[in-house]
Amino acid sequence: MEISEPSRVQALVQGLADEYSRKIILATIPKGKSVEDISKENDIPLSTCYRRVHELLDAQILLVERIVVTPEGKKYELFRSAYRAMDVTFDGGVMKVNAVINEDVAEKLKRLWLTMREEA
């Protein structure tokens, strides 16, 4: 999927340029994680991790994969990268990002099922 809208490209490039944001994005490609887990695994101060996660959410680089409610009633979110790969190119003075959507297994199966039903 090609992204060429200047504000989206700028947000993606900024996310990749910042060390903590880049660590967060990379940590959440394989599976959704809580802010606390991301912080511990990547040695990012917790307050910085919360701030970067919210910036990446606003930029639509991270998604809320699901909300977990513990038996004690505590609620927290698991975040996942919206993309599993990105390439930045410069074409005729315009910066473009080619991104690969980070589909989880359930999304892939759903898409495959819908495709099979449409062909039948």
PDB file of N, CA and C in Angstrom:
ATOM      1  N   MET A   1       0.843  -1.161   0.000  1.00  0.00           N
ATOM      2  CA  MET A   1       0.000   0.000   0.000  1.00  0.00           C
ATOM      3  C   MET A   1       0.891   1.227   0.000  1.00  0.00           C
ATOM      4  N   GLU A   2       0.662   2.110  -0.962  1.00  0.00           N
ATOM      5  CA  GLU A   2       1.470   3.320  -1.058  1.00  0.00           C
ATOM      6  C   GLU A   2       0.817   4.441  -0.265  1.00  0.00           C
ATOM      7  N   ILE A   3       1.633   5.111   0.537  1.00  0.00           N
ATOM      8  CA  ILE A   3       1.167   6.251   1.322  1.00  0.00           C
ATOM      9  C   ILE A   3       1.902   7.468   0.793  1.00  0.00           C
ATOM     10  N   SER A   4       1.149   8.438   0.281  1.00  0.00           N
ATOM     11  CA  SER A   4       1.795   9.626  -0.275  1.00  0.00           C
ATOM     12  C   SER A   4       1.263  10.919   0.326  1.00  0.00           C
ATOM     13  N   GLU A   5       0.215  10.840   1.146  1.00  0.00           N
ATOM     14  CA  GLU A   5      -0.309  12.053   1.792  1.00  0.00           C
ATOM     15  C   GLU A   5       0.784  12.618   2.700  1.00  0.00           C
ATOM     16  N   PRO A   6       1.163  13.876   2.506  1.00  0.00           N
ATOM     17  CA  PRO A   6       2.305  14.453   3.230  1.00  0.00           C
ATOM     18  C   PRO A   6       2.245  14.313   4.753  1.00  0.00           C
ATOM     19  N   SER A   7       1.092  14.514   5.365  1.00  0.00           N
ATOM     20  CA  SER A   7       1.023  14.431   6.824  1.00  0.00           C
ATOM     21  C   SER A   7       1.228  13.000   7.320  1.00  0.00           C
ATOM     22  N   ARG A   8       0.711  12.012   6.593  1.00  0.00           N
ATOM     23  CA  ARG A   8       0.888  10.602   6.972  1.00  0.00           C
ATOM     24  C   ARG A   8       2.344  10.180   6.767  1.00  0.00           C
ATOM     25  N   VAL A   9       2.927  10.608   5.640  1.00  0.00           N
ATOM     26  CA  VAL A   9       4.332  10.287   5.371  1.00  0.00           C
ATOM     27  C   VAL A   9       5.203  10.886   6.462  1.00  0.00           C
ATOM     28  N   GLN A  10       4.948  12.137   6.817  1.00  0.00           N
ATOM     29  CA  GLN A  10       5.732  12.825   7.855  1.00  0.00           C
ATOM     30  C   GLN A  10       5.633  12.074   9.186  1.00  0.00           C
ATOM     31  N   ALA A  11       4.437  11.643   9.567  1.00  0.00           N
ATOM     32  CA  ALA A  11       4.243  10.919  10.821  1.00  0.00           C
ATOM     33  C   ALA A  11       5.004   9.594  10.811  1.00  0.00           C
ATOM     34  N   LEU A  12       4.952   8.875   9.697  1.00  0.00           N
ATOM     35  CA  LEU A  12       5.665   7.604   9.597  1.00  0.00           C
ATOM     36  C   LEU A  12       7.173   7.794   9.669  1.00  0.00           C
ATOM     37  N   VAL A  13       7.680   8.782   8.960  1.00  0.00           N
ATOM     38  CA  VAL A  13       9.118   9.034   8.951  1.00  0.00           C
ATOM     39  C   VAL A  13       9.588   9.483  10.341  1.00  0.00           C
ATOM     40  N   GLN A  14       8.808  10.324  11.014  1.00  0.00           N
ATOM     41  CA  GLN A  14       9.166  10.739  12.369  1.00  0.00           C
ATOM     42  C   GLN A  14       9.172   9.552  13.318  1.00  0.00           C
ATOM     43  N   GLY A  15       8.188   8.672  13.168  1.00  0.00           N
ATOM     44  CA  GLY A  15       8.138   7.483  14.007  1.00  0.00           C
ATOM     45  C   GLY A  15       9.351   6.595  13.816  1.00  0.00           C
ATOM     46  N   LEU A  16       9.810   6.469  12.584  1.00  0.00           N
ATOM     47  CA  LEU A  16      10.983   5.645  12.303  1.00  0.00           C
ATOM     48  C   LEU A  16      12.284   6.326  12.723  1.00  0.00           C
ATOM     49  N   ALA A  17      12.297   7.657  12.729  1.00  0.00           N
ATOM     50  CA  ALA A  17      13.514   8.397  13.053  1.00  0.00           C
ATOM     51  C   ALA A  17      13.800   8.420  14.556  1.00  0.00           C
ATOM     52  N   ASP A  18      12.762   8.347  15.370  1.00  0.00           N
ATOM     53  CA  ASP A  18      12.937   8.408  16.821  1.00  0.00           C
ATOM     54  C   ASP A  18      13.291   7.018  17.359  1.00  0.00           C
ATOM     55  N   GLU A  19      14.357   6.923  18.145  1.00  0.00           N
ATOM     56  CA  GLU A  19      14.835   5.626  18.632  1.00  0.00           C
ATOM     57  C   GLU A  19      13.780   4.879  19.444  1.00  0.00           C
ATOM     58  N   TYR A  20      13.153   5.558  20.401  1.00  0.00           N
ATOM     59  CA  TYR A  20      12.149   4.887  21.228  1.00  0.00           C
ATOM     60  C   TYR A  20      10.930   4.472  20.407  1.00  0.00           C
ATOM     61  N   SER A  21      10.469   5.350  19.531  1.00  0.00           N
ATOM     62  CA  SER A  21       9.317   5.008  18.693  1.00  0.00           C
ATOM     63  C   SER A  21       9.636   3.810  17.804  1.00  0.00           C
ATOM     64  N   ARG A  22      10.832   3.787  17.264  1.00  0.00           N
ATOM     65  CA  ARG A  22      11.256   2.678  16.403  1.00  0.00           C
ATOM     66  C   ARG A  22      11.279   1.368  17.194  1.00  0.00           C
ATOM     67  N   LYS A  23      11.786   1.410  18.424  1.00  0.00           N
ATOM     68  CA  LYS A  23      11.804   0.216  19.274  1.00  0.00           C
ATOM     69  C   LYS A  23      10.378  -0.269  19.557  1.00  0.00           C
ATOM     70  N   ILE A  24       9.473   0.660  19.800  1.00  0.00           N
ATOM     71  CA  ILE A  24       8.074   0.311  20.082  1.00  0.00           C
ATOM     72  C   ILE A  24       7.442  -0.344  18.857  1.00  0.00           C
ATOM     73  N   ILE A  25       7.655   0.261  17.698  1.00  0.00           N
ATOM     74  CA  ILE A  25       7.093  -0.295  16.455  1.00  0.00           C
ATOM     75  C   ILE A  25       7.622  -1.710  16.228  1.00  0.00           C
ATOM     76  N   LEU A  26       8.923  -1.886  16.331  1.00  0.00           N
ATOM     77  CA  LEU A  26       9.527  -3.201  16.098  1.00  0.00           C
ATOM     78  C   LEU A  26       9.054  -4.239  17.112  1.00  0.00           C
ATOM     79  N   ALA A  27       8.872  -3.822  18.361  1.00  0.00           N
ATOM     80  CA  ALA A  27       8.448  -4.752  19.410  1.00  0.00           C
ATOM     81  C   ALA A  27       7.013  -5.228  19.222  1.00  0.00           C
ATOM     82  N   THR A  28       6.200  -4.437  18.532  1.00  0.00           N
ATOM     83  CA  THR A  28       4.776  -4.766  18.414  1.00  0.00           C
ATOM     84  C   THR A  28       4.399  -5.346  17.051  1.00  0.00           C
ATOM     85  N   ILE A  29       5.371  -5.646  16.216  1.00  0.00           N
ATOM     86  CA  ILE A  29       5.060  -6.277  14.925  1.00  0.00           C
ATOM     87  C   ILE A  29       4.593  -7.722  15.125  1.00  0.00           C
ATOM     88  N   PRO A  30       5.316  -8.554  15.893  1.00  0.00           N
ATOM     89  CA  PRO A  30       4.900  -9.960  15.989  1.00  0.00           C
ATOM     90  C   PRO A  30       3.593 -10.181  16.746  1.00  0.00           C
ATOM     91  N   LYS A  31       3.359  -9.388  17.804  1.00  0.00           N
ATOM     92  CA  LYS A  31       2.132  -9.559  18.589  1.00  0.00           C
ATOM     93  C   LYS A  31       1.871  -8.305  19.415  1.00  0.00           C
ATOM     94  N   GLY A  32       0.616  -8.177  19.851  1.00  0.00           N
ATOM     95  CA  GLY A  32       0.236  -7.041  20.666  1.00  0.00           C
ATOM     96  C   GLY A  32       0.862  -7.124  22.046  1.00  0.00           C
ATOM     97  N   LYS A  33       1.248  -5.963  22.590  1.00  0.00           N
ATOM     98  CA  LYS A  33       1.885  -5.903  23.906  1.00  0.00           C
ATOM     99  C   LYS A  33       1.357  -4.709  24.681  1.00  0.00           C
ATOM    100  N   SER A  34       1.433  -4.816  25.999  1.00  0.00           N
ATOM    101  CA  SER A  34       1.044  -3.697  26.864  1.00  0.00           C
ATOM    102  C   SER A  34       2.192  -2.688  26.916  1.00  0.00           C
ATOM    103  N   VAL A  35       1.878  -1.475  27.332  1.00  0.00           N
ATOM    104  CA  VAL A  35       2.915  -0.444  27.452  1.00  0.00           C
ATOM    105  C   VAL A  35       3.973  -0.889  28.458  1.00  0.00           C
ATOM    106  N   GLU A  36       3.532  -1.518  29.546  1.00  0.00           N
ATOM    107  CA  GLU A  36       4.481  -1.969  30.560  1.00  0.00           C
ATOM    108  C   GLU A  36       5.450  -3.006  29.988  1.00  0.00           C
ATOM    109  N   ASP A  37       4.937  -3.950  29.204  1.00  0.00           N
ATOM    110  CA  ASP A  37       5.804  -4.962  28.594  1.00  0.00           C
ATOM    111  C   ASP A  37       6.775  -4.336  27.596  1.00  0.00           C
ATOM    112  N   ILE A  38       6.272  -3.413  26.789  1.00  0.00           N
ATOM    113  CA  ILE A  38       7.135  -2.732  25.818  1.00  0.00           C
ATOM    114  C   ILE A  38       8.252  -1.999  26.536  1.00  0.00           C
ATOM    115  N   SER A  39       7.886  -1.292  27.601  1.00  0.00           N
ATOM    116  CA  SER A  39       8.846  -0.519  28.382  1.00  0.00           C
ATOM    117  C   SER A  39       9.940  -1.407  28.963  1.00  0.00           C
ATOM    118  N   LYS A  40       9.545  -2.511  29.594  1.00  0.00           N
ATOM    119  CA  LYS A  40      10.521  -3.419  30.219  1.00  0.00           C
ATOM    120  C   LYS A  40      11.415  -4.091  29.192  1.00  0.00           C
ATOM    121  N   GLU A  41      10.810  -4.598  28.105  1.00  0.00           N
ATOM    122  CA  GLU A  41      11.575  -5.332  27.099  1.00  0.00           C
ATOM    123  C   GLU A  41      12.586  -4.469  26.356  1.00  0.00           C
ATOM    124  N   ASN A  42      12.294  -3.176  26.238  1.00  0.00           N
ATOM    125  CA  ASN A  42      13.140  -2.300  25.420  1.00  0.00           C
ATOM    126  C   ASN A  42      13.882  -1.247  26.218  1.00  0.00           C
ATOM    127  N   ASP A  43      13.812  -1.356  27.550  1.00  0.00           N
ATOM    128  CA  ASP A  43      14.507  -0.418  28.430  1.00  0.00           C
ATOM    129  C   ASP A  43      14.149   1.040  28.110  1.00  0.00           C
ATOM    130  N   ILE A  44      12.846   1.282  27.979  1.00  0.00           N
ATOM    131  CA  ILE A  44      12.328   2.622  27.722  1.00  0.00           C
ATOM    132  C   ILE A  44      11.645   3.087  29.000  1.00  0.00           C
ATOM    133  N   PRO A  45      11.964   4.291  29.503  1.00  0.00           N
ATOM    134  CA  PRO A  45      11.267   4.775  30.697  1.00  0.00           C
ATOM    135  C   PRO A  45       9.744   4.714  30.479  1.00  0.00           C
ATOM    136  N   LEU A  46       9.009   4.291  31.511  1.00  0.00           N
ATOM    137  CA  LEU A  46       7.581   4.053  31.373  1.00  0.00           C
ATOM    138  C   LEU A  46       6.819   5.299  30.905  1.00  0.00           C
ATOM    139  N   SER A  47       7.134   6.460  31.462  1.00  0.00           N
ATOM    140  CA  SER A  47       6.418   7.677  31.046  1.00  0.00           C
ATOM    141  C   SER A  47       6.701   8.008  29.575  1.00  0.00           C
ATOM    142  N   THR A  48       7.942   7.803  29.145  1.00  0.00           N
ATOM    143  CA  THR A  48       8.303   8.028  27.744  1.00  0.00           C
ATOM    144  C   THR A  48       7.583   7.029  26.848  1.00  0.00           C
ATOM    145  N   CYS A  49       7.503   5.796  27.298  1.00  0.00           N
ATOM    146  CA  CYS A  49       6.841   4.755  26.515  1.00  0.00           C
ATOM    147  C   CYS A  49       5.358   5.088  26.333  1.00  0.00           C
ATOM    148  N   TYR A  50       4.679   5.512  27.417  1.00  0.00           N
ATOM    149  CA  TYR A  50       3.271   5.908  27.300  1.00  0.00           C
ATOM    150  C   TYR A  50       3.102   7.050  26.303  1.00  0.00           C
ATOM    151  N   ARG A  51       3.989   8.048  26.403  1.00  0.00           N
ATOM    152  CA  ARG A  51       3.897   9.212  25.513  1.00  0.00           C
ATOM    153  C   ARG A  51       4.104   8.807  24.053  1.00  0.00           C
ATOM    154  N   ARG A  52       5.127   8.001  23.783  1.00  0.00           N
ATOM    155  CA  ARG A  52       5.401   7.581  22.408  1.00  0.00           C
ATOM    156  C   ARG A  52       4.278   6.692  21.869  1.00  0.00           C
ATOM    157  N   VAL A  53       3.752   5.790  22.692  1.00  0.00           N
ATOM    158  CA  VAL A  53       2.655   4.932  22.245  1.00  0.00           C
ATOM    159  C   VAL A  53       1.463   5.784  21.835  1.00  0.00           C
ATOM    160  N   HIS A  54       1.141   6.799  22.622  1.00  0.00           N
ATOM    161  CA  HIS A  54       0.001   7.660  22.265  1.00  0.00           C
ATOM    162  C   HIS A  54       0.285   8.480  21.006  1.00  0.00           C
ATOM    163  N   GLU A  55       1.521   8.917  20.818  1.00  0.00           N
ATOM    164  CA  GLU A  55       1.878   9.610  19.580  1.00  0.00           C
ATOM    165  C   GLU A  55       1.729   8.672  18.377  1.00  0.00           C
ATOM    166  N   LEU A  56       2.178   7.429  18.531  1.00  0.00           N
ATOM    167  CA  LEU A  56       2.079   6.451  17.443  1.00  0.00           C
ATOM    168  C   LEU A  56       0.630   6.048  17.185  1.00  0.00           C
ATOM    169  N   LEU A  57      -0.192   6.026  18.216  1.00  0.00           N
ATOM    170  CA  LEU A  57      -1.629   5.777  18.036  1.00  0.00           C
ATOM    171  C   LEU A  57      -2.268   6.913  17.242  1.00  0.00           C
ATOM    172  N   ASP A  58      -1.951   8.153  17.627  1.00  0.00           N
ATOM    173  CA  ASP A  58      -2.493   9.321  16.920  1.00  0.00           C
ATOM    174  C   ASP A  58      -2.088   9.318  15.452  1.00  0.00           C
ATOM    175  N   ALA A  59      -0.872   8.846  15.175  1.00  0.00           N
ATOM    176  CA  ALA A  59      -0.365   8.790  13.797  1.00  0.00           C
ATOM    177  C   ALA A  59      -0.849   7.545  13.065  1.00  0.00           C
ATOM    178  N   GLN A  60      -1.603   6.698  13.735  1.00  0.00           N
ATOM    179  CA  GLN A  60      -2.137   5.452  13.178  1.00  0.00           C
ATOM    180  C   GLN A  60      -1.033   4.475  12.772  1.00  0.00           C
ATOM    181  N   ILE A  61       0.075   4.543  13.475  1.00  0.00           N
ATOM    182  CA  ILE A  61       1.159   3.590  13.264  1.00  0.00           C
ATOM    183  C   ILE A  61       0.961   2.394  14.185  1.00  0.00           C
ATOM    184  N   LEU A  62       0.397   2.640  15.366  1.00  0.00           N
ATOM    185  CA  LEU A  62       0.014   1.575  16.282  1.00  0.00           C
ATOM    186  C   LEU A  62      -1.503   1.481  16.329  1.00  0.00           C
ATOM    187  N   LEU A  63      -1.990   0.284  16.622  1.00  0.00           N
ATOM    188  CA  LEU A  63      -3.419   0.039  16.775  1.00  0.00           C
ATOM    189  C   LEU A  63      -3.651  -0.640  18.112  1.00  0.00           C
ATOM    190  N   VAL A  64      -4.834  -0.454  18.671  1.00  0.00           N
ATOM    191  CA  VAL A  64      -5.212  -1.219  19.852  1.00  0.00           C
ATOM    192  C   VAL A  64      -5.680  -2.574  19.344  1.00  0.00           C
ATOM    193  N   GLU A  65      -4.909  -3.613  19.657  1.00  0.00           N
ATOM    194  CA  GLU A  65      -5.258  -4.959  19.211  1.00  0.00           C
ATOM    195  C   GLU A  65      -6.458  -5.488  19.993  1.00  0.00           C
ATOM    196  N   ARG A  66      -6.389  -5.291  21.306  1.00  0.00           N
ATOM    197  CA  ARG A  66      -7.520  -5.688  22.146  1.00  0.00           C
ATOM    198  C   ARG A  66      -7.374  -5.062  23.520  1.00  0.00           C
ATOM    199  N   ILE A  67      -8.474  -5.084  24.260  1.00  0.00           N
ATOM    200  CA  ILE A  67      -8.503  -4.583  25.626  1.00  0.00           C
ATOM    201  C   ILE A  67      -8.665  -5.785  26.540  1.00  0.00           C
ATOM    202  N   VAL A  68      -7.820  -5.853  27.546  1.00  0.00           N
ATOM    203  CA  VAL A  68      -7.828  -6.971  28.485  1.00  0.00           C
ATOM    204  C   VAL A  68      -8.360  -6.474  29.833  1.00  0.00           C
ATOM    205  N   VAL A  69      -9.253  -7.261  30.424  1.00  0.00           N
ATOM    206  CA  VAL A  69      -9.750  -6.968  31.764  1.00  0.00           C
ATOM    207  C   VAL A  69      -9.306  -8.121  32.664  1.00  0.00           C
ATOM    208  N   THR A  70      -8.540  -7.788  33.696  1.00  0.00           N
ATOM    209  CA  THR A  70      -8.040  -8.813  34.616  1.00  0.00           C
ATOM    210  C   THR A  70      -9.158  -9.249  35.561  1.00  0.00           C
ATOM    211  N   PRO A  71      -8.982 -10.381  36.244  1.00  0.00           N
ATOM    212  CA  PRO A  71      -9.996 -10.815  37.219  1.00  0.00           C
ATOM    213  C   PRO A  71     -10.247  -9.783  38.319  1.00  0.00           C
ATOM    214  N   GLU A  72      -9.255  -8.942  38.579  1.00  0.00           N
ATOM    215  CA  GLU A  72      -9.411  -7.891  39.586  1.00  0.00           C
ATOM    216  C   GLU A  72     -10.145  -6.669  39.045  1.00  0.00           C
ATOM    217  N   GLY A  73     -10.451  -6.678  37.769  1.00  0.00           N
ATOM    218  CA  GLY A  73     -11.176  -5.571  37.151  1.00  0.00           C
ATOM    219  C   GLY A  73     -10.293  -4.504  36.532  1.00  0.00           C
ATOM    220  N   LYS A  74      -8.974  -4.702  36.568  1.00  0.00           N
ATOM    221  CA  LYS A  74      -8.058  -3.739  35.944  1.00  0.00           C
ATOM    222  C   LYS A  74      -8.120  -3.911  34.430  1.00  0.00           C
ATOM    223  N   LYS A  75      -8.148  -2.792  33.726  1.00  0.00           N
ATOM    224  CA  LYS A  75      -8.239  -2.811  32.265  1.00  0.00           C
ATOM    225  C   LYS A  75      -6.954  -2.242  31.672  1.00  0.00           C
ATOM    226  N   TYR A  76      -6.438  -2.925  30.639  1.00  0.00           N
ATOM    227  CA  TYR A  76      -5.285  -2.391  29.919  1.00  0.00           C
ATOM    228  C   TYR A  76      -5.388  -2.809  28.461  1.00  0.00           C
ATOM    229  N   GLU A  77      -4.642  -2.092  27.615  1.00  0.00           N
ATOM    230  CA  GLU A  77      -4.706  -2.320  26.174  1.00  0.00           C
ATOM    231  C   GLU A  77      -3.437  -3.006  25.684  1.00  0.00           C
ATOM    232  N   LEU A  78      -3.608  -3.819  24.646  1.00  0.00           N
ATOM    233  CA  LEU A  78      -2.469  -4.407  23.951  1.00  0.00           C
ATOM    234  C   LEU A  78      -2.344  -3.704  22.607  1.00  0.00           C
ATOM    235  N   PHE A  79      -1.151  -3.215  22.319  1.00  0.00           N
ATOM    236  CA  PHE A  79      -0.906  -2.437  21.113  1.00  0.00           C
ATOM    237  C   PHE A  79      -0.126  -3.273  20.113  1.00  0.00           C
ATOM    238  N   ARG A  80      -0.455  -3.068  18.836  1.00  0.00           N
ATOM    239  CA  ARG A  80       0.214  -3.792  17.747  1.00  0.00           C
ATOM    240  C   ARG A  80       0.544  -2.805  16.639  1.00  0.00           C
ATOM    241  N   SER A  81       1.674  -3.014  15.988  1.00  0.00           N
ATOM    242  CA  SER A  81       2.060  -2.174  14.862  1.00  0.00           C
ATOM    243  C   SER A  81       1.064  -2.365  13.717  1.00  0.00           C
ATOM    244  N   ALA A  82       0.663  -1.282  13.086  1.00  0.00           N
ATOM    245  CA  ALA A  82      -0.257  -1.365  11.948  1.00  0.00           C
ATOM    246  C   ALA A  82       0.463  -1.883  10.701  1.00  0.00           C
ATOM    247  N   TYR A  83       1.794  -1.799  10.708  1.00  0.00           N
ATOM    248  CA  TYR A  83       2.577  -2.206   9.532  1.00  0.00           C
ATOM    249  C   TYR A  83       3.658  -3.187   9.942  1.00  0.00           C
ATOM    250  N   ARG A  84       3.946  -4.134   9.037  1.00  0.00           N
ATOM    251  CA  ARG A  84       5.040  -5.060   9.321  1.00  0.00           C
ATOM    252  C   ARG A  84       6.290  -4.723   8.514  1.00  0.00           C
ATOM    253  N   ALA A  85       6.163  -3.851   7.528  1.00  0.00           N
ATOM    254  CA  ALA A  85       7.311  -3.410   6.749  1.00  0.00           C
ATOM    255  C   ALA A  85       7.010  -2.052   6.124  1.00  0.00           C
ATOM    256  N   MET A  86       8.055  -1.229   5.991  1.00  0.00           N
ATOM    257  CA  MET A  86       7.909   0.080   5.354  1.00  0.00           C
ATOM    258  C   MET A  86       9.170   0.400   4.568  1.00  0.00           C
ATOM    259  N   ASP A  87       8.967   0.974   3.384  1.00  0.00           N
ATOM    260  CA  ASP A  87      10.066   1.473   2.557  1.00  0.00           C
ATOM    261  C   ASP A  87       9.784   2.934   2.260  1.00  0.00           C
ATOM    262  N   VAL A  88      10.779   3.773   2.464  1.00  0.00           N
ATOM    263  CA  VAL A  88      10.647   5.198   2.160  1.00  0.00           C
ATOM    264  C   VAL A  88      11.392   5.468   0.857  1.00  0.00           C
ATOM    265  N   THR A  89      10.708   6.138  -0.097  1.00  0.00           N
ATOM    266  CA  THR A  89      11.331   6.471  -1.371  1.00  0.00           C
ATOM    267  C   THR A  89      11.135   7.949  -1.670  1.00  0.00           C
ATOM    268  N   PHE A  90      12.017   8.457  -2.503  1.00  0.00           N
ATOM    269  CA  PHE A  90      11.916   9.824  -2.983  1.00  0.00           C
ATOM    270  C   PHE A  90      11.696   9.745  -4.487  1.00  0.00           C
ATOM    271  N   ASP A  91      10.600  10.346  -4.950  1.00  0.00           N
ATOM    272  CA  ASP A  91      10.250  10.245  -6.358  1.00  0.00           C
ATOM    273  C   ASP A  91       9.825  11.624  -6.861  1.00  0.00           C
ATOM    274  N   GLY A  92      10.630  12.214  -7.697  1.00  0.00           N
ATOM    275  CA  GLY A  92      10.302  13.522  -8.256  1.00  0.00           C
ATOM    276  C   GLY A  92      10.118  14.608  -7.207  1.00  0.00           C
ATOM    277  N   GLY A  93      10.931  14.571  -6.151  1.00  0.00           N
ATOM    278  CA  GLY A  93      10.839  15.574  -5.096  1.00  0.00           C
ATOM    279  C   GLY A  93       9.741  15.289  -4.077  1.00  0.00           C
ATOM    280  N   VAL A  94       9.103  14.135  -4.188  1.00  0.00           N
ATOM    281  CA  VAL A  94       8.031  13.767  -3.258  1.00  0.00           C
ATOM    282  C   VAL A  94       8.466  12.525  -2.485  1.00  0.00           C
ATOM    283  N   MET A  95       8.305  12.573  -1.166  1.00  0.00           N
ATOM    284  CA  MET A  95       8.624  11.422  -0.345  1.00  0.00           C
ATOM    285  C   MET A  95       7.389  10.524  -0.267  1.00  0.00           C
ATOM    286  N   LYS A  96       7.583   9.218  -0.494  1.00  0.00           N
ATOM    287  CA  LYS A  96       6.490   8.253  -0.435  1.00  0.00           C
ATOM    288  C   LYS A  96       6.885   7.101   0.471  1.00  0.00           C
ATOM    289  N   VAL A  97       5.885   6.495   1.081  1.00  0.00           N
ATOM    290  CA  VAL A  97       6.124   5.331   1.917  1.00  0.00           C
ATOM    291  C   VAL A  97       5.308   4.173   1.358  1.00  0.00           C
ATOM    292  N   ASN A  98       5.965   3.065   1.102  1.00  0.00           N
ATOM    293  CA  ASN A  98       5.278   1.832   0.736  1.00  0.00           C
ATOM    294  C   ASN A  98       5.236   0.981   1.991  1.00  0.00           C
ATOM    295  N   ALA A  99       4.031   0.643   2.433  1.00  0.00           N
ATOM    296  CA  ALA A  99       3.868  -0.080   3.687  1.00  0.00           C
ATOM    297  C   ALA A  99       3.122  -1.380   3.466  1.00  0.00           C
ATOM    298  N   VAL A 100       3.486  -2.369   4.256  1.00  0.00           N
ATOM    299  CA  VAL A 100       2.800  -3.663   4.241  1.00  0.00           C
ATOM    300  C   VAL A 100       2.003  -3.749   5.534  1.00  0.00           C
ATOM    301  N   ILE A 101       0.698  -3.946   5.398  1.00  0.00           N
ATOM    302  CA  ILE A 101      -0.193  -4.026   6.556  1.00  0.00           C
ATOM    303  C   ILE A 101       0.186  -5.237   7.403  1.00  0.00           C
ATOM    304  N   ASN A 102       0.127  -5.071   8.704  1.00  0.00           N
ATOM    305  CA  ASN A 102       0.462  -6.122   9.660  1.00  0.00           C
ATOM    306  C   ASN A 102      -0.810  -6.860  10.067  1.00  0.00           C
ATOM    307  N   GLU A 103      -1.225  -7.789   9.221  1.00  0.00           N
ATOM    308  CA  GLU A 103      -2.436  -8.560   9.513  1.00  0.00           C
ATOM    309  C   GLU A 103      -2.125  -9.658  10.511  1.00  0.00           C
ATOM    310  N   ASP A 104      -3.037  -9.865  11.459  1.00  0.00           N
ATOM    311  CA  ASP A 104      -2.859 -11.017  12.334  1.00  0.00           C
ATOM    312  C   ASP A 104      -3.542 -12.224  11.705  1.00  0.00           C
ATOM    313  N   VAL A 105      -3.378 -13.375  12.311  1.00  0.00           N
ATOM    314  CA  VAL A 105      -3.883 -14.618  11.738  1.00  0.00           C
ATOM    315  C   VAL A 105      -5.398 -14.570  11.548  1.00  0.00           C
ATOM    316  N   ALA A 106      -6.123 -14.035  12.522  1.00  0.00           N
ATOM    317  CA  ALA A 106      -7.586 -13.972  12.430  1.00  0.00           C
ATOM    318  C   ALA A 106      -8.030 -13.123  11.236  1.00  0.00           C
ATOM    319  N   GLU A 107      -7.353 -11.999  11.012  1.00  0.00           N
ATOM    320  CA  GLU A 107      -7.702 -11.134   9.884  1.00  0.00           C
ATOM    321  C   GLU A 107      -7.431 -11.836   8.558  1.00  0.00           C
ATOM    322  N   LYS A 108      -6.308 -12.552   8.464  1.00  0.00           N
ATOM    323  CA  LYS A 108      -5.974 -13.270   7.235  1.00  0.00           C
ATOM    324  C   LYS A 108      -7.012 -14.347   6.939  1.00  0.00           C
ATOM    325  N   LEU A 109      -7.403 -15.114   7.961  1.00  0.00           N
ATOM    326  CA  LEU A 109      -8.401 -16.157   7.765  1.00  0.00           C
ATOM    327  C   LEU A 109      -9.748 -15.573   7.358  1.00  0.00           C
ATOM    328  N   LYS A 110     -10.127 -14.466   7.984  1.00  0.00           N
ATOM    329  CA  LYS A 110     -11.392 -13.812   7.638  1.00  0.00           C
ATOM    330  C   LYS A 110     -11.379 -13.364   6.182  1.00  0.00           C
ATOM    331  N   ARG A 111     -10.287 -12.724   5.771  1.00  0.00           N
ATOM    332  CA  ARG A 111     -10.167 -12.252   4.388  1.00  0.00           C
ATOM    333  C   ARG A 111     -10.205 -13.424   3.410  1.00  0.00           C
ATOM    334  N   LEU A 112      -9.491 -14.507   3.746  1.00  0.00           N
ATOM    335  CA  LEU A 112      -9.486 -15.690   2.900  1.00  0.00           C
ATOM    336  C   LEU A 112     -10.888 -16.291   2.801  1.00  0.00           C
ATOM    337  N   TRP A 113     -11.596 -16.387   3.914  1.00  0.00           N
ATOM    338  CA  TRP A 113     -12.946 -16.929   3.942  1.00  0.00           C
ATOM    339  C   TRP A 113     -13.886 -16.086   3.085  1.00  0.00           C
ATOM    340  N   LEU A 114     -13.803 -14.766   3.223  1.00  0.00           N
ATOM    341  CA  LEU A 114     -14.669 -13.886   2.430  1.00  0.00           C
ATOM    342  C   LEU A 114     -14.371 -14.014   0.940  1.00  0.00           C
ATOM    343  N   THR A 115     -13.104 -14.153   0.588  1.00  0.00           N
ATOM    344  CA  THR A 115     -12.714 -14.317  -0.811  1.00  0.00           C
ATOM    345  C   THR A 115     -13.272 -15.617  -1.369  1.00  0.00           C
ATOM    346  N   MET A 116     -13.190 -16.688  -0.588  1.00  0.00           N
ATOM    347  CA  MET A 116     -13.695 -17.984  -1.035  1.00  0.00           C
ATOM    348  C   MET A 116     -15.218 -17.956  -1.207  1.00  0.00           C
ATOM    349  N   ARG A 117     -15.902 -17.255  -0.316  1.00  0.00           N
ATOM    350  CA  ARG A 117     -17.376 -17.176  -0.407  1.00  0.00           C
ATOM    351  C   ARG A 117     -17.798 -16.390  -1.645  1.00  0.00           C
ATOM    352  N   GLU A 118     -17.026 -15.329  -1.966  1.00  0.00           N
ATOM    353  CA  GLU A 118     -17.365 -14.505  -3.137  1.00  0.00           C
ATOM    354  C   GLU A 118     -17.161 -15.297  -4.429  1.00  0.00           C
ATOM    355  N   GLU A 119     -16.172 -16.200  -4.448  1.00  0.00           N
ATOM    356  CA  GLU A 119     -15.899 -16.995  -5.649  1.00  0.00           C
ATOM    357  C   GLU A 119     -16.910 -18.103  -5.847  1.00  0.00           C
ATOM    358  N   ALA A 120     -17.562 -18.529  -4.777  1.00  0.00           N
ATOM    359  CA  ALA A 120     -18.519 -19.648  -4.863  1.00  0.00           C
ATOM    360  C   ALA A 120     -19.844 -19.246  -5.490  1.00  0.00           C
TER     361      ALA A 120
END
